[in-house]
Amino acid sequence: MTKEIATFIDNKLGRFKDVDVDGSGEAWGSFVRIRAALDVTKPLRWALKILTVLEDDHLISLSYERLPNFYYYCGYLGHISRQCNLQFQAGFVDPDSNPPFWKLALCNSSLTTSGPQRWCSYP
């Protein structure tokens, strides 16, 4: 994946801040780490559907790092399952449309300000 494609994806999620690529502008294999400013008053997306030039739909899976309290069923920050008002509304929880619990990417607790670990620190 190139930096341009990663920037395009990032702009679909929020306001572009940074992308982690090598010196040639390429990402590592089948994933790329991006940093975006997101509107946290809206639910976080767990996937993004994009349409290619050939008009094929591609579903891109998203993971997040260093989130505070976050409940994947509703996608909102700031609470956990037992505090979620939306999960009790009729028909809200749909297991086919909600992400699996393992979508949260974890970072090493010994943070540094350079290399890949710089993505684990709070902005």
PDB file of N, CA and C in Angstrom:
ATOM      1  N   MET A   1       0.848  -1.165   0.000  1.00  0.00           N
ATOM      2  CA  MET A   1       0.000   0.000   0.000  1.00  0.00           C
ATOM      3  C   MET A   1       0.898   1.234   0.000  1.00  0.00           C
ATOM      4  N   THR A   2       0.528   2.230  -0.775  1.00  0.00           N
ATOM      5  CA  THR A   2       1.334   3.442  -0.873  1.00  0.00           C
ATOM      6  C   THR A   2       0.842   4.508   0.096  1.00  0.00           C
ATOM      7  N   LYS A   3       1.665   5.532   0.282  1.00  0.00           N
ATOM      8  CA  LYS A   3       1.304   6.645   1.163  1.00  0.00           C
ATOM      9  C   LYS A   3       0.059   7.363   0.641  1.00  0.00           C
ATOM     10  N   GLU A   4      -0.074   7.473  -0.675  1.00  0.00           N
ATOM     11  CA  GLU A   4      -1.229   8.158  -1.261  1.00  0.00           C
ATOM     12  C   GLU A   4      -2.531   7.420  -0.944  1.00  0.00           C
ATOM     13  N   ILE A   5      -2.514   6.098  -1.057  1.00  0.00           N
ATOM     14  CA  ILE A   5      -3.707   5.306  -0.741  1.00  0.00           C
ATOM     15  C   ILE A   5      -4.027   5.411   0.746  1.00  0.00           C
ATOM     16  N   ALA A   6      -2.996   5.336   1.590  1.00  0.00           N
ATOM     17  CA  ALA A   6      -3.204   5.459   3.034  1.00  0.00           C
ATOM     18  C   ALA A   6      -3.772   6.828   3.388  1.00  0.00           C
ATOM     19  N   THR A   7      -3.292   7.880   2.734  1.00  0.00           N
ATOM     20  CA  THR A   7      -3.801   9.232   2.973  1.00  0.00           C
ATOM     21  C   THR A   7      -5.261   9.335   2.552  1.00  0.00           C
ATOM     22  N   PHE A   8      -5.627   8.723   1.426  1.00  0.00           N
ATOM     23  CA  PHE A   8      -7.013   8.703   0.966  1.00  0.00           C
ATOM     24  C   PHE A   8      -7.910   8.032   2.008  1.00  0.00           C
ATOM     25  N   ILE A   9      -7.480   6.879   2.511  1.00  0.00           N
ATOM     26  CA  ILE A   9      -8.250   6.158   3.530  1.00  0.00           C
ATOM     27  C   ILE A   9      -8.367   6.998   4.789  1.00  0.00           C
ATOM     28  N   ASP A  10      -7.261   7.602   5.192  1.00  0.00           N
ATOM     29  CA  ASP A  10      -7.235   8.429   6.395  1.00  0.00           C
ATOM     30  C   ASP A  10      -8.217   9.591   6.285  1.00  0.00           C
ATOM     31  N   ASN A  11      -8.280  10.232   5.134  1.00  0.00           N
ATOM     32  CA  ASN A  11      -9.192  11.358   4.946  1.00  0.00           C
ATOM     33  C   ASN A  11     -10.655  10.926   4.955  1.00  0.00           C
ATOM     34  N   LYS A  12     -10.930   9.658   4.660  1.00  0.00           N
ATOM     35  CA  LYS A  12     -12.294   9.143   4.776  1.00  0.00           C
ATOM     36  C   LYS A  12     -12.699   8.996   6.243  1.00  0.00           C
ATOM     37  N   LEU A  13     -11.724   8.786   7.115  1.00  0.00           N
ATOM     38  CA  LEU A  13     -11.999   8.574   8.535  1.00  0.00           C
ATOM     39  C   LEU A  13     -12.065   9.875   9.317  1.00  0.00           C
ATOM     40  N   GLY A  14     -11.217  10.806   8.979  1.00  0.00           N
ATOM     41  CA  GLY A  14     -11.118  12.055   9.731  1.00  0.00           C
ATOM     42  C   GLY A  14     -10.158  12.989   9.028  1.00  0.00           C
ATOM     43  N   ARG A  15      -9.485  13.815   9.812  1.00  0.00           N
ATOM     44  CA  ARG A  15      -8.520  14.751   9.250  1.00  0.00           C
ATOM     45  C   ARG A  15      -7.128  14.122   9.301  1.00  0.00           C
ATOM     46  N   PHE A  16      -6.457  14.024   8.167  1.00  0.00           N
ATOM     47  CA  PHE A  16      -5.150  13.381   8.058  1.00  0.00           C
ATOM     48  C   PHE A  16      -4.122  14.071   8.945  1.00  0.00           C
ATOM     49  N   LYS A  17      -3.330  13.245   9.668  1.00  0.00           N
ATOM     50  CA  LYS A  17      -2.232  13.773  10.477  1.00  0.00           C
ATOM     51  C   LYS A  17      -0.895  13.178  10.058  1.00  0.00           C
ATOM     52  N   ASP A  18      -0.820  11.852   9.900  1.00  0.00           N
ATOM     53  CA  ASP A  18       0.455  11.210   9.585  1.00  0.00           C
ATOM     54  C   ASP A  18       0.202   9.793   9.084  1.00  0.00           C
ATOM     55  N   VAL A  19       1.170   9.264   8.364  1.00  0.00           N
ATOM     56  CA  VAL A  19       1.121   7.878   7.905  1.00  0.00           C
ATOM     57  C   VAL A  19       2.510   7.284   8.086  1.00  0.00           C
ATOM     58  N   ASP A  20       2.568   6.042   8.510  1.00  0.00           N
ATOM     59  CA  ASP A  20       3.830   5.367   8.798  1.00  0.00           C
ATOM     60  C   ASP A  20       4.218   4.492   7.606  1.00  0.00           C
ATOM     61  N   VAL A  21       5.144   5.000   6.776  1.00  0.00           N
ATOM     62  CA  VAL A  21       5.626   4.263   5.610  1.00  0.00           C
ATOM     63  C   VAL A  21       7.148   4.269   5.609  1.00  0.00           C
ATOM     64  N   ASP A  22       7.744   3.424   4.773  1.00  0.00           N
ATOM     65  CA  ASP A  22       9.204   3.391   4.690  1.00  0.00           C
ATOM     66  C   ASP A  22       9.706   4.527   3.790  1.00  0.00           C
ATOM     67  N   GLY A  23      11.011   4.560   3.542  1.00  0.00           N
ATOM     68  CA  GLY A  23      11.621   5.626   2.759  1.00  0.00           C
ATOM     69  C   GLY A  23      11.121   5.727   1.333  1.00  0.00           C
ATOM     70  N   SER A  24      10.639   4.626   0.774  1.00  0.00           N
ATOM     71  CA  SER A  24      10.136   4.645  -0.604  1.00  0.00           C
ATOM     72  C   SER A  24       8.647   4.991  -0.679  1.00  0.00           C
ATOM     73  N   GLY A  25       8.030   5.280   0.466  1.00  0.00           N
ATOM     74  CA  GLY A  25       6.611   5.626   0.476  1.00  0.00           C
ATOM     75  C   GLY A  25       5.684   4.439   0.492  1.00  0.00           C
ATOM     76  N   GLU A  26       6.200   3.259   0.796  1.00  0.00           N
ATOM     77  CA  GLU A  26       5.394   2.037   0.840  1.00  0.00           C
ATOM     78  C   GLU A  26       5.121   1.628   2.285  1.00  0.00           C
ATOM     79  N   ALA A  27       3.972   1.028   2.502  1.00  0.00           N
ATOM     80  CA  ALA A  27       3.621   0.493   3.822  1.00  0.00           C
ATOM     81  C   ALA A  27       4.128  -0.934   3.925  1.00  0.00           C
ATOM     82  N   TRP A  28       4.039  -1.510   5.116  1.00  0.00           N
ATOM     83  CA  TRP A  28       4.529  -2.865   5.363  1.00  0.00           C
ATOM     84  C   TRP A  28       3.454  -3.891   5.020  1.00  0.00           C
ATOM     85  N   GLY A  29       3.588  -4.571   3.927  1.00  0.00           N
ATOM     86  CA  GLY A  29       2.685  -5.664   3.592  1.00  0.00           C
ATOM     87  C   GLY A  29       1.246  -5.236   3.420  1.00  0.00           C
ATOM     88  N   SER A  30       0.355  -5.936   4.095  1.00  0.00           N
ATOM     89  CA  SER A  30      -1.076  -5.726   3.882  1.00  0.00           C
ATOM     90  C   SER A  30      -1.709  -4.763   4.883  1.00  0.00           C
ATOM     91  N   PHE A  31      -0.905  -4.077   5.685  1.00  0.00           N
ATOM     92  CA  PHE A  31      -1.491  -3.103   6.601  1.00  0.00           C
ATOM     93  C   PHE A  31      -0.679  -1.826   6.586  1.00  0.00           C
ATOM     94  N   VAL A  32      -1.290  -0.758   7.066  1.00  0.00           N
ATOM     95  CA  VAL A  32      -0.609   0.528   7.189  1.00  0.00           C
ATOM     96  C   VAL A  32      -1.097   1.197   8.471  1.00  0.00           C
ATOM     97  N   ARG A  33      -0.202   1.879   9.138  1.00  0.00           N
ATOM     98  CA  ARG A  33      -0.559   2.604  10.357  1.00  0.00           C
ATOM     99  C   ARG A  33      -0.724   4.076   9.990  1.00  0.00           C
ATOM    100  N   ILE A  34      -1.911   4.609  10.300  1.00  0.00           N
ATOM    101  CA  ILE A  34      -2.198   6.008  10.012  1.00  0.00           C
ATOM    102  C   ILE A  34      -2.643   6.700  11.287  1.00  0.00           C
ATOM    103  N   ARG A  35      -2.485   8.002  11.311  1.00  0.00           N
ATOM    104  CA  ARG A  35      -2.952   8.803  12.445  1.00  0.00           C
ATOM    105  C   ARG A  35      -3.876   9.876  11.887  1.00  0.00           C
ATOM    106  N   ALA A  36      -5.054   9.969  12.470  1.00  0.00           N
ATOM    107  CA  ALA A  36      -6.051  10.932  12.017  1.00  0.00           C
ATOM    108  C   ALA A  36      -6.696  11.591  13.224  1.00  0.00           C
ATOM    109  N   ALA A  37      -7.155  12.810  13.027  1.00  0.00           N
ATOM    110  CA  ALA A  37      -7.969  13.486  14.031  1.00  0.00           C
ATOM    111  C   ALA A  37      -9.412  13.083  13.748  1.00  0.00           C
ATOM    112  N   LEU A  38     -10.038  12.391  14.703  1.00  0.00           N
ATOM    113  CA  LEU A  38     -11.390  11.873  14.514  1.00  0.00           C
ATOM    114  C   LEU A  38     -12.398  12.666  15.329  1.00  0.00           C
ATOM    115  N   ASP A  39     -13.624  12.710  14.849  1.00  0.00           N
ATOM    116  CA  ASP A  39     -14.721  13.302  15.604  1.00  0.00           C
ATOM    117  C   ASP A  39     -15.202  12.254  16.603  1.00  0.00           C
ATOM    118  N   VAL A  40     -14.845  12.423  17.870  1.00  0.00           N
ATOM    119  CA  VAL A  40     -15.164  11.410  18.876  1.00  0.00           C
ATOM    120  C   VAL A  40     -16.600  11.500  19.377  1.00  0.00           C
ATOM    121  N   THR A  41     -17.381  12.444  18.856  1.00  0.00           N
ATOM    122  CA  THR A  41     -18.799  12.482  19.204  1.00  0.00           C
ATOM    123  C   THR A  41     -19.601  11.526  18.321  1.00  0.00           C
ATOM    124  N   LYS A  42     -18.944  10.968  17.320  1.00  0.00           N
ATOM    125  CA  LYS A  42     -19.568   9.984  16.435  1.00  0.00           C
ATOM    126  C   LYS A  42     -18.965   8.614  16.725  1.00  0.00           C
ATOM    127  N   PRO A  43     -19.696   7.539  16.433  1.00  0.00           N
ATOM    128  CA  PRO A  43     -19.138   6.196  16.665  1.00  0.00           C
ATOM    129  C   PRO A  43     -17.908   5.952  15.791  1.00  0.00           C
ATOM    130  N   LEU A  44     -16.929   5.245  16.341  1.00  0.00           N
ATOM    131  CA  LEU A  44     -15.754   4.864  15.564  1.00  0.00           C
ATOM    132  C   LEU A  44     -16.136   3.754  14.594  1.00  0.00           C
ATOM    133  N   ARG A  45     -15.560   3.789  13.425  1.00  0.00           N
ATOM    134  CA  ARG A  45     -15.842   2.768  12.418  1.00  0.00           C
ATOM    135  C   ARG A  45     -14.909   1.590  12.635  1.00  0.00           C
ATOM    136  N   TRP A  46     -15.399   0.408  12.422  1.00  0.00           N
ATOM    137  CA  TRP A  46     -14.552  -0.781  12.542  1.00  0.00           C
ATOM    138  C   TRP A  46     -14.141  -1.303  11.177  1.00  0.00           C
ATOM    139  N   ALA A  47     -14.742  -0.758  10.120  1.00  0.00           N
ATOM    140  CA  ALA A  47     -14.377  -1.123   8.753  1.00  0.00           C
ATOM    141  C   ALA A  47     -14.741   0.037   7.837  1.00  0.00           C
ATOM    142  N   LEU A  48     -14.130   0.041   6.673  1.00  0.00           N
ATOM    143  CA  LEU A  48     -14.373   1.086   5.688  1.00  0.00           C
ATOM    144  C   LEU A  48     -14.512   0.424   4.323  1.00  0.00           C
ATOM    145  N   LYS A  49     -15.586   0.739   3.616  1.00  0.00           N
ATOM    146  CA  LYS A  49     -15.791   0.182   2.278  1.00  0.00           C
ATOM    147  C   LYS A  49     -15.342   1.223   1.258  1.00  0.00           C
ATOM    148  N   ILE A  50     -14.457   0.807   0.344  1.00  0.00           N
ATOM    149  CA  ILE A  50     -14.019   1.712  -0.714  1.00  0.00           C
ATOM    150  C   ILE A  50     -14.323   1.073  -2.066  1.00  0.00           C
ATOM    151  N   LEU A  51     -14.531   1.926  -3.052  1.00  0.00           N
ATOM    152  CA  LEU A  51     -14.822   1.489  -4.412  1.00  0.00           C
ATOM    153  C   LEU A  51     -13.574   1.728  -5.251  1.00  0.00           C
ATOM    154  N   THR A  52     -13.066   0.706  -5.920  1.00  0.00           N
ATOM    155  CA  THR A  52     -11.863   0.839  -6.740  1.00  0.00           C
ATOM    156  C   THR A  52     -12.219   1.329  -8.138  1.00  0.00           C
ATOM    157  N   VAL A  53     -11.195   1.586  -8.938  1.00  0.00           N
ATOM    158  CA  VAL A  53     -11.390   2.037 -10.318  1.00  0.00           C
ATOM    159  C   VAL A  53     -12.204   1.020 -11.110  1.00  0.00           C
ATOM    160  N   LEU A  54     -12.031  -0.248 -10.796  1.00  0.00           N
ATOM    161  CA  LEU A  54     -12.774  -1.309 -11.483  1.00  0.00           C
ATOM    162  C   LEU A  54     -14.178  -1.489 -10.911  1.00  0.00           C
ATOM    163  N   GLU A  55     -14.569  -0.575 -10.025  1.00  0.00           N
ATOM    164  CA  GLU A  55     -15.876  -0.578  -9.373  1.00  0.00           C
ATOM    165  C   GLU A  55     -16.114  -1.819  -8.528  1.00  0.00           C
ATOM    166  N   ASP A  56     -15.044  -2.325  -7.941  1.00  0.00           N
ATOM    167  CA  ASP A  56     -15.144  -3.422  -6.983  1.00  0.00           C
ATOM    168  C   ASP A  56     -15.165  -2.831  -5.577  1.00  0.00           C
ATOM    169  N   ASP A  57     -16.039  -3.346  -4.735  1.00  0.00           N
ATOM    170  CA  ASP A  57     -16.059  -2.922  -3.341  1.00  0.00           C
ATOM    171  C   ASP A  57     -15.002  -3.687  -2.563  1.00  0.00           C
ATOM    172  N   HIS A  58     -14.259  -2.978  -1.736  1.00  0.00           N
ATOM    173  CA  HIS A  58     -13.282  -3.607  -0.850  1.00  0.00           C
ATOM    174  C   HIS A  58     -13.571  -3.158   0.574  1.00  0.00           C
ATOM    175  N   LEU A  59     -13.630  -4.102   1.482  1.00  0.00           N
ATOM    176  CA  LEU A  59     -13.854  -3.804   2.887  1.00  0.00           C
ATOM    177  C   LEU A  59     -12.506  -3.794   3.593  1.00  0.00           C
ATOM    178  N   ILE A  60     -12.165  -2.656   4.171  1.00  0.00           N
ATOM    179  CA  ILE A  60     -10.895  -2.496   4.872  1.00  0.00           C
ATOM    180  C   ILE A  60     -11.174  -2.546   6.361  1.00  0.00           C
ATOM    181  N   SER A  61     -10.563  -3.485   7.042  1.00  0.00           N
ATOM    182  CA  SER A  61     -10.725  -3.643   8.481  1.00  0.00           C
ATOM    183  C   SER A  61      -9.884  -2.593   9.206  1.00  0.00           C
ATOM    184  N   LEU A  62     -10.430  -1.993  10.259  1.00  0.00           N
ATOM    185  CA  LEU A  62      -9.734  -0.957  11.022  1.00  0.00           C
ATOM    186  C   LEU A  62      -9.489  -1.419  12.450  1.00  0.00           C
ATOM    187  N   SER A  63      -8.344  -1.071  12.992  1.00  0.00           N
ATOM    188  CA  SER A  63      -8.016  -1.306  14.400  1.00  0.00           C
ATOM    189  C   SER A  63      -7.555   0.016  14.988  1.00  0.00           C
ATOM    190  N   TYR A  64      -7.733   0.173  16.274  1.00  0.00           N
ATOM    191  CA  TYR A  64      -7.356   1.409  16.952  1.00  0.00           C
ATOM    192  C   TYR A  64      -6.360   1.111  18.061  1.00  0.00           C
ATOM    193  N   GLU A  65      -5.479   2.078  18.306  1.00  0.00           N
ATOM    194  CA  GLU A  65      -4.482   1.937  19.359  1.00  0.00           C
ATOM    195  C   GLU A  65      -4.714   2.986  20.431  1.00  0.00           C
ATOM    196  N   ARG A  66      -4.406   2.599  21.660  1.00  0.00           N
ATOM    197  CA  ARG A  66      -4.394   3.506  22.811  1.00  0.00           C
ATOM    198  C   ARG A  66      -5.715   4.247  23.030  1.00  0.00           C
ATOM    199  N   LEU A  67      -6.806   3.529  22.954  1.00  0.00           N
ATOM    200  CA  LEU A  67      -8.105   4.143  23.207  1.00  0.00           C
ATOM    201  C   LEU A  67      -8.423   4.106  24.694  1.00  0.00           C
ATOM    202  N   PRO A  68      -9.116   5.141  25.183  1.00  0.00           N
ATOM    203  CA  PRO A  68      -9.626   5.061  26.555  1.00  0.00           C
ATOM    204  C   PRO A  68     -10.816   4.101  26.577  1.00  0.00           C
ATOM    205  N   ASN A  69     -11.674   4.181  27.568  1.00  0.00           N
ATOM    206  CA  ASN A  69     -12.861   3.322  27.614  1.00  0.00           C
ATOM    207  C   ASN A  69     -13.588   3.384  26.274  1.00  0.00           C
ATOM    208  N   PHE A  70     -13.865   2.207  25.730  1.00  0.00           N
ATOM    209  CA  PHE A  70     -14.467   2.135  24.407  1.00  0.00           C
ATOM    210  C   PHE A  70     -15.291   0.867  24.318  1.00  0.00           C
ATOM    211  N   TYR A  71     -16.525   1.008  23.873  1.00  0.00           N
ATOM    212  CA  TYR A  71     -17.409  -0.139  23.759  1.00  0.00           C
ATOM    213  C   TYR A  71     -17.678  -0.396  22.284  1.00  0.00           C
ATOM    214  N   TYR A  72     -17.251  -1.561  21.783  1.00  0.00           N
ATOM    215  CA  TYR A  72     -17.335  -1.850  20.356  1.00  0.00           C
ATOM    216  C   TYR A  72     -18.754  -2.016  19.832  1.00  0.00           C
ATOM    217  N   TYR A  73     -19.709  -2.372  20.651  1.00  0.00           N
ATOM    218  CA  TYR A  73     -21.065  -2.557  20.127  1.00  0.00           C
ATOM    219  C   TYR A  73     -21.666  -1.258  19.620  1.00  0.00           C
ATOM    220  N   CYS A  74     -21.449  -0.162  20.348  1.00  0.00           N
ATOM    221  CA  CYS A  74     -22.020   1.104  19.898  1.00  0.00           C
ATOM    222  C   CYS A  74     -20.998   1.961  19.163  1.00  0.00           C
ATOM    223  N   GLY A  75     -19.702   1.735  19.411  1.00  0.00           N
ATOM    224  CA  GLY A  75     -18.659   2.488  18.730  1.00  0.00           C
ATOM    225  C   GLY A  75     -18.289   3.800  19.382  1.00  0.00           C
ATOM    226  N   TYR A  76     -18.892   4.114  20.521  1.00  0.00           N
ATOM    227  CA  TYR A  76     -18.613   5.389  21.176  1.00  0.00           C
ATOM    228  C   TYR A  76     -17.530   5.251  22.243  1.00  0.00           C
ATOM    229  N   LEU A  77     -16.754   6.309  22.387  1.00  0.00           N
ATOM    230  CA  LEU A  77     -15.733   6.385  23.429  1.00  0.00           C
ATOM    231  C   LEU A  77     -16.364   6.815  24.747  1.00  0.00           C
ATOM    232  N   GLY A  78     -15.676   6.521  25.847  1.00  0.00           N
ATOM    233  CA  GLY A  78     -16.062   7.070  27.134  1.00  0.00           C
ATOM    234  C   GLY A  78     -16.867   6.161  28.034  1.00  0.00           C
ATOM    235  N   HIS A  79     -17.177   4.951  27.609  1.00  0.00           N
ATOM    236  CA  HIS A  79     -17.909   4.040  28.483  1.00  0.00           C
ATOM    237  C   HIS A  79     -17.630   2.591  28.089  1.00  0.00           C
ATOM    238  N   ILE A  80     -18.066   1.698  28.944  1.00  0.00           N
ATOM    239  CA  ILE A  80     -17.921   0.265  28.691  1.00  0.00           C
ATOM    240  C   ILE A  80     -19.310  -0.362  28.619  1.00  0.00           C
ATOM    241  N   SER A  81     -19.384  -1.667  28.450  1.00  0.00           N
ATOM    242  CA  SER A  81     -20.650  -2.340  28.156  1.00  0.00           C
ATOM    243  C   SER A  81     -21.763  -2.049  29.157  1.00  0.00           C
ATOM    244  N   ARG A  82     -21.484  -2.158  30.435  1.00  0.00           N
ATOM    245  CA  ARG A  82     -22.575  -1.991  31.408  1.00  0.00           C
ATOM    246  C   ARG A  82     -23.054  -0.540  31.518  1.00  0.00           C
ATOM    247  N   GLN A  83     -22.322   0.396  30.917  1.00  0.00           N
ATOM    248  CA  GLN A  83     -22.726   1.799  30.940  1.00  0.00           C
ATOM    249  C   GLN A  83     -23.367   2.247  29.624  1.00  0.00           C
ATOM    250  N   CYS A  84     -23.563   1.324  28.689  1.00  0.00           N
ATOM    251  CA  CYS A  84     -24.059   1.683  27.362  1.00  0.00           C
ATOM    252  C   CYS A  84     -25.586   1.702  27.343  1.00  0.00           C
ATOM    253  N   ASN A  85     -26.144   2.871  27.078  1.00  0.00           N
ATOM    254  CA  ASN A  85     -27.599   2.993  26.975  1.00  0.00           C
ATOM    255  C   ASN A  85     -28.115   2.430  25.658  1.00  0.00           C
ATOM    256  N   LEU A  86     -27.319   2.522  24.602  1.00  0.00           N
ATOM    257  CA  LEU A  86     -27.769   2.080  23.282  1.00  0.00           C
ATOM    258  C   LEU A  86     -27.960   0.575  23.184  1.00  0.00           C
ATOM    259  N   GLN A  87     -27.160  -0.198  23.921  1.00  0.00           N
ATOM    260  CA  GLN A  87     -27.269  -1.652  23.797  1.00  0.00           C
ATOM    261  C   GLN A  87     -28.612  -2.179  24.286  1.00  0.00           C
ATOM    262  N   PHE A  88     -29.305  -1.413  25.100  1.00  0.00           N
ATOM    263  CA  PHE A  88     -30.589  -1.859  25.635  1.00  0.00           C
ATOM    264  C   PHE A  88     -31.772  -1.415  24.777  1.00  0.00           C
ATOM    265  N   GLN A  89     -31.515  -0.598  23.760  1.00  0.00           N
ATOM    266  CA  GLN A  89     -32.594  -0.199  22.869  1.00  0.00           C
ATOM    267  C   GLN A  89     -32.933  -1.372  21.954  1.00  0.00           C
ATOM    268  N   ALA A  90     -34.195  -1.537  21.676  1.00  0.00           N
ATOM    269  CA  ALA A  90     -34.659  -2.682  20.878  1.00  0.00           C
ATOM    270  C   ALA A  90     -33.981  -2.726  19.519  1.00  0.00           C
ATOM    271  N   GLY A  91     -33.390  -3.879  19.225  1.00  0.00           N
ATOM    272  CA  GLY A  91     -32.793  -4.093  17.918  1.00  0.00           C
ATOM    273  C   GLY A  91     -31.449  -3.444  17.687  1.00  0.00           C
ATOM    274  N   PHE A  92     -30.854  -2.824  18.704  1.00  0.00           N
ATOM    275  CA  PHE A  92     -29.584  -2.132  18.464  1.00  0.00           C
ATOM    276  C   PHE A  92     -28.435  -3.098  18.226  1.00  0.00           C
ATOM    277  N   VAL A  93     -28.291  -4.097  19.076  1.00  0.00           N
ATOM    278  CA  VAL A  93     -27.149  -5.004  18.981  1.00  0.00           C
ATOM    279  C   VAL A  93     -27.381  -6.026  17.870  1.00  0.00           C
ATOM    280  N   ASP A  94     -26.568  -5.931  16.844  1.00  0.00           N
ATOM    281  CA  ASP A  94     -26.623  -6.860  15.720  1.00  0.00           C
ATOM    282  C   ASP A  94     -25.245  -7.499  15.591  1.00  0.00           C
ATOM    283  N   PRO A  95     -25.081  -8.758  15.992  1.00  0.00           N
ATOM    284  CA  PRO A  95     -23.760  -9.376  15.982  1.00  0.00           C
ATOM    285  C   PRO A  95     -23.119  -9.455  14.602  1.00  0.00           C
ATOM    286  N   ASP A  96     -23.912  -9.395  13.546  1.00  0.00           N
ATOM    287  CA  ASP A  96     -23.339  -9.443  12.204  1.00  0.00           C
ATOM    288  C   ASP A  96     -22.748  -8.110  11.768  1.00  0.00           C
ATOM    289  N   SER A  97     -23.151  -7.016  12.383  1.00  0.00           N
ATOM    290  CA  SER A  97     -22.654  -5.712  11.954  1.00  0.00           C
ATOM    291  C   SER A  97     -21.675  -5.102  12.945  1.00  0.00           C
ATOM    292  N   ASN A  98     -21.435  -5.752  14.061  1.00  0.00           N
ATOM    293  CA  ASN A  98     -20.513  -5.219  15.055  1.00  0.00           C
ATOM    294  C   ASN A  98     -19.182  -5.949  14.997  1.00  0.00           C
ATOM    295  N   PRO A  99     -18.114  -5.245  15.302  1.00  0.00           N
ATOM    296  CA  PRO A  99     -16.787  -5.847  15.209  1.00  0.00           C
ATOM    297  C   PRO A  99     -16.517  -6.827  16.334  1.00  0.00           C
ATOM    298  N   PRO A 100     -15.585  -7.734  16.121  1.00  0.00           N
ATOM    299  CA  PRO A 100     -15.196  -8.660  17.182  1.00  0.00           C
ATOM    300  C   PRO A 100     -14.394  -7.951  18.262  1.00  0.00           C
ATOM    301  N   PHE A 101     -14.360  -8.530  19.444  1.00  0.00           N
ATOM    302  CA  PHE A 101     -13.689  -7.904  20.582  1.00  0.00           C
ATOM    303  C   PHE A 101     -12.195  -7.721  20.366  1.00  0.00           C
ATOM    304  N   TRP A 102     -11.577  -8.503  19.493  1.00  0.00           N
ATOM    305  CA  TRP A 102     -10.130  -8.449  19.323  1.00  0.00           C
ATOM    306  C   TRP A 102      -9.671  -7.338  18.400  1.00  0.00           C
ATOM    307  N   LYS A 103     -10.569  -6.460  17.954  1.00  0.00           N
ATOM    308  CA  LYS A 103     -10.188  -5.401  17.030  1.00  0.00           C
ATOM    309  C   LYS A 103      -9.289  -4.343  17.656  1.00  0.00           C
ATOM    310  N   LEU A 104      -9.194  -4.308  18.952  1.00  0.00           N
ATOM    311  CA  LEU A 104      -8.380  -3.296  19.613  1.00  0.00           C
ATOM    312  C   LEU A 104      -6.916  -3.684  19.531  1.00  0.00           C
ATOM    313  N   ALA A 105      -6.116  -2.871  18.872  1.00  0.00           N
ATOM    314  CA  ALA A 105      -4.678  -3.127  18.770  1.00  0.00           C
ATOM    315  C   ALA A 105      -4.003  -2.604  20.036  1.00  0.00           C
ATOM    316  N   LEU A 106      -3.104  -3.394  20.572  1.00  0.00           N
ATOM    317  CA  LEU A 106      -2.432  -3.017  21.809  1.00  0.00           C
ATOM    318  C   LEU A 106      -1.005  -2.584  21.530  1.00  0.00           C
ATOM    319  N   CYS A 107      -0.531  -1.642  22.329  1.00  0.00           N
ATOM    320  CA  CYS A 107       0.840  -1.169  22.199  1.00  0.00           C
ATOM    321  C   CYS A 107       1.645  -1.569  23.417  1.00  0.00           C
ATOM    322  N   ASN A 108       2.941  -1.603  23.242  1.00  0.00           N
ATOM    323  CA  ASN A 108       3.859  -1.879  24.334  1.00  0.00           C
ATOM    324  C   ASN A 108       3.738  -0.764  25.370  1.00  0.00           C
ATOM    325  N   SER A 109       3.788  -1.102  26.640  1.00  0.00           N
ATOM    326  CA  SER A 109       3.627  -0.088  27.677  1.00  0.00           C
ATOM    327  C   SER A 109       4.859   0.786  27.843  1.00  0.00           C
ATOM    328  N   SER A 110       6.032   0.333  27.404  1.00  0.00           N
ATOM    329  CA  SER A 110       7.234   1.167  27.498  1.00  0.00           C
ATOM    330  C   SER A 110       7.328   1.998  26.224  1.00  0.00           C
ATOM    331  N   LEU A 111       6.784   3.213  26.293  1.00  0.00           N
ATOM    332  CA  LEU A 111       6.645   4.054  25.112  1.00  0.00           C
ATOM    333  C   LEU A 111       7.927   4.810  24.800  1.00  0.00           C
ATOM    334  N   THR A 112       8.181   5.001  23.522  1.00  0.00           N
ATOM    335  CA  THR A 112       9.293   5.824  23.077  1.00  0.00           C
ATOM    336  C   THR A 112       8.742   6.874  22.134  1.00  0.00           C
ATOM    337  N   THR A 113       9.570   7.829  21.760  1.00  0.00           N
ATOM    338  CA  THR A 113       9.104   8.891  20.869  1.00  0.00           C
ATOM    339  C   THR A 113       9.640   8.731  19.459  1.00  0.00           C
ATOM    340  N   SER A 114      10.292   7.610  19.173  1.00  0.00           N
ATOM    341  CA  SER A 114      10.785   7.389  17.821  1.00  0.00           C
ATOM    342  C   SER A 114      10.461   5.963  17.386  1.00  0.00           C
ATOM    343  N   GLY A 115      10.543   5.725  16.089  1.00  0.00           N
ATOM    344  CA  GLY A 115      10.238   4.405  15.562  1.00  0.00           C
ATOM    345  C   GLY A 115       8.755   4.107  15.639  1.00  0.00           C
ATOM    346  N   PRO A 116       8.375   2.854  15.394  1.00  0.00           N
ATOM    347  CA  PRO A 116       6.957   2.495  15.389  1.00  0.00           C
ATOM    348  C   PRO A 116       6.244   2.786  16.707  1.00  0.00           C
ATOM    349  N   GLN A 117       6.965   2.774  17.829  1.00  0.00           N
ATOM    350  CA  GLN A 117       6.321   3.009  19.125  1.00  0.00           C
ATOM    351  C   GLN A 117       5.804   4.435  19.278  1.00  0.00           C
ATOM    352  N   ARG A 118       6.259   5.371  18.431  1.00  0.00           N
ATOM    353  CA  ARG A 118       5.773   6.750  18.564  1.00  0.00           C
ATOM    354  C   ARG A 118       4.266   6.823  18.342  1.00  0.00           C
ATOM    355  N   TRP A 119       3.715   5.811  17.664  1.00  0.00           N
ATOM    356  CA  TRP A 119       2.282   5.788  17.393  1.00  0.00           C
ATOM    357  C   TRP A 119       1.488   5.426  18.633  1.00  0.00           C
ATOM    358  N   CYS A 120       2.145   4.911  19.637  1.00  0.00           N
ATOM    359  CA  CYS A 120       1.448   4.488  20.842  1.00  0.00           C
ATOM    360  C   CYS A 120       1.253   5.626  21.827  1.00  0.00           C
ATOM    361  N   SER A 121       1.942   6.725  21.637  1.00  0.00           N
ATOM    362  CA  SER A 121       1.837   7.824  22.587  1.00  0.00           C
ATOM    363  C   SER A 121       0.630   8.687  22.256  1.00  0.00           C
ATOM    364  N   TYR A 122       0.129   9.365  23.260  1.00  0.00           N
ATOM    365  CA  TYR A 122      -0.983  10.274  23.031  1.00  0.00           C
ATOM    366  C   TYR A 122      -0.468  11.518  22.334  1.00  0.00           C
ATOM    367  N   PRO A 123      -1.252  12.107  21.424  1.00  0.00           N
ATOM    368  CA  PRO A 123      -0.795  13.305  20.696  1.00  0.00           C
ATOM    369  C   PRO A 123      -0.646  14.492  21.618  1.00  0.00           C
TER     370      PRO A 123
END
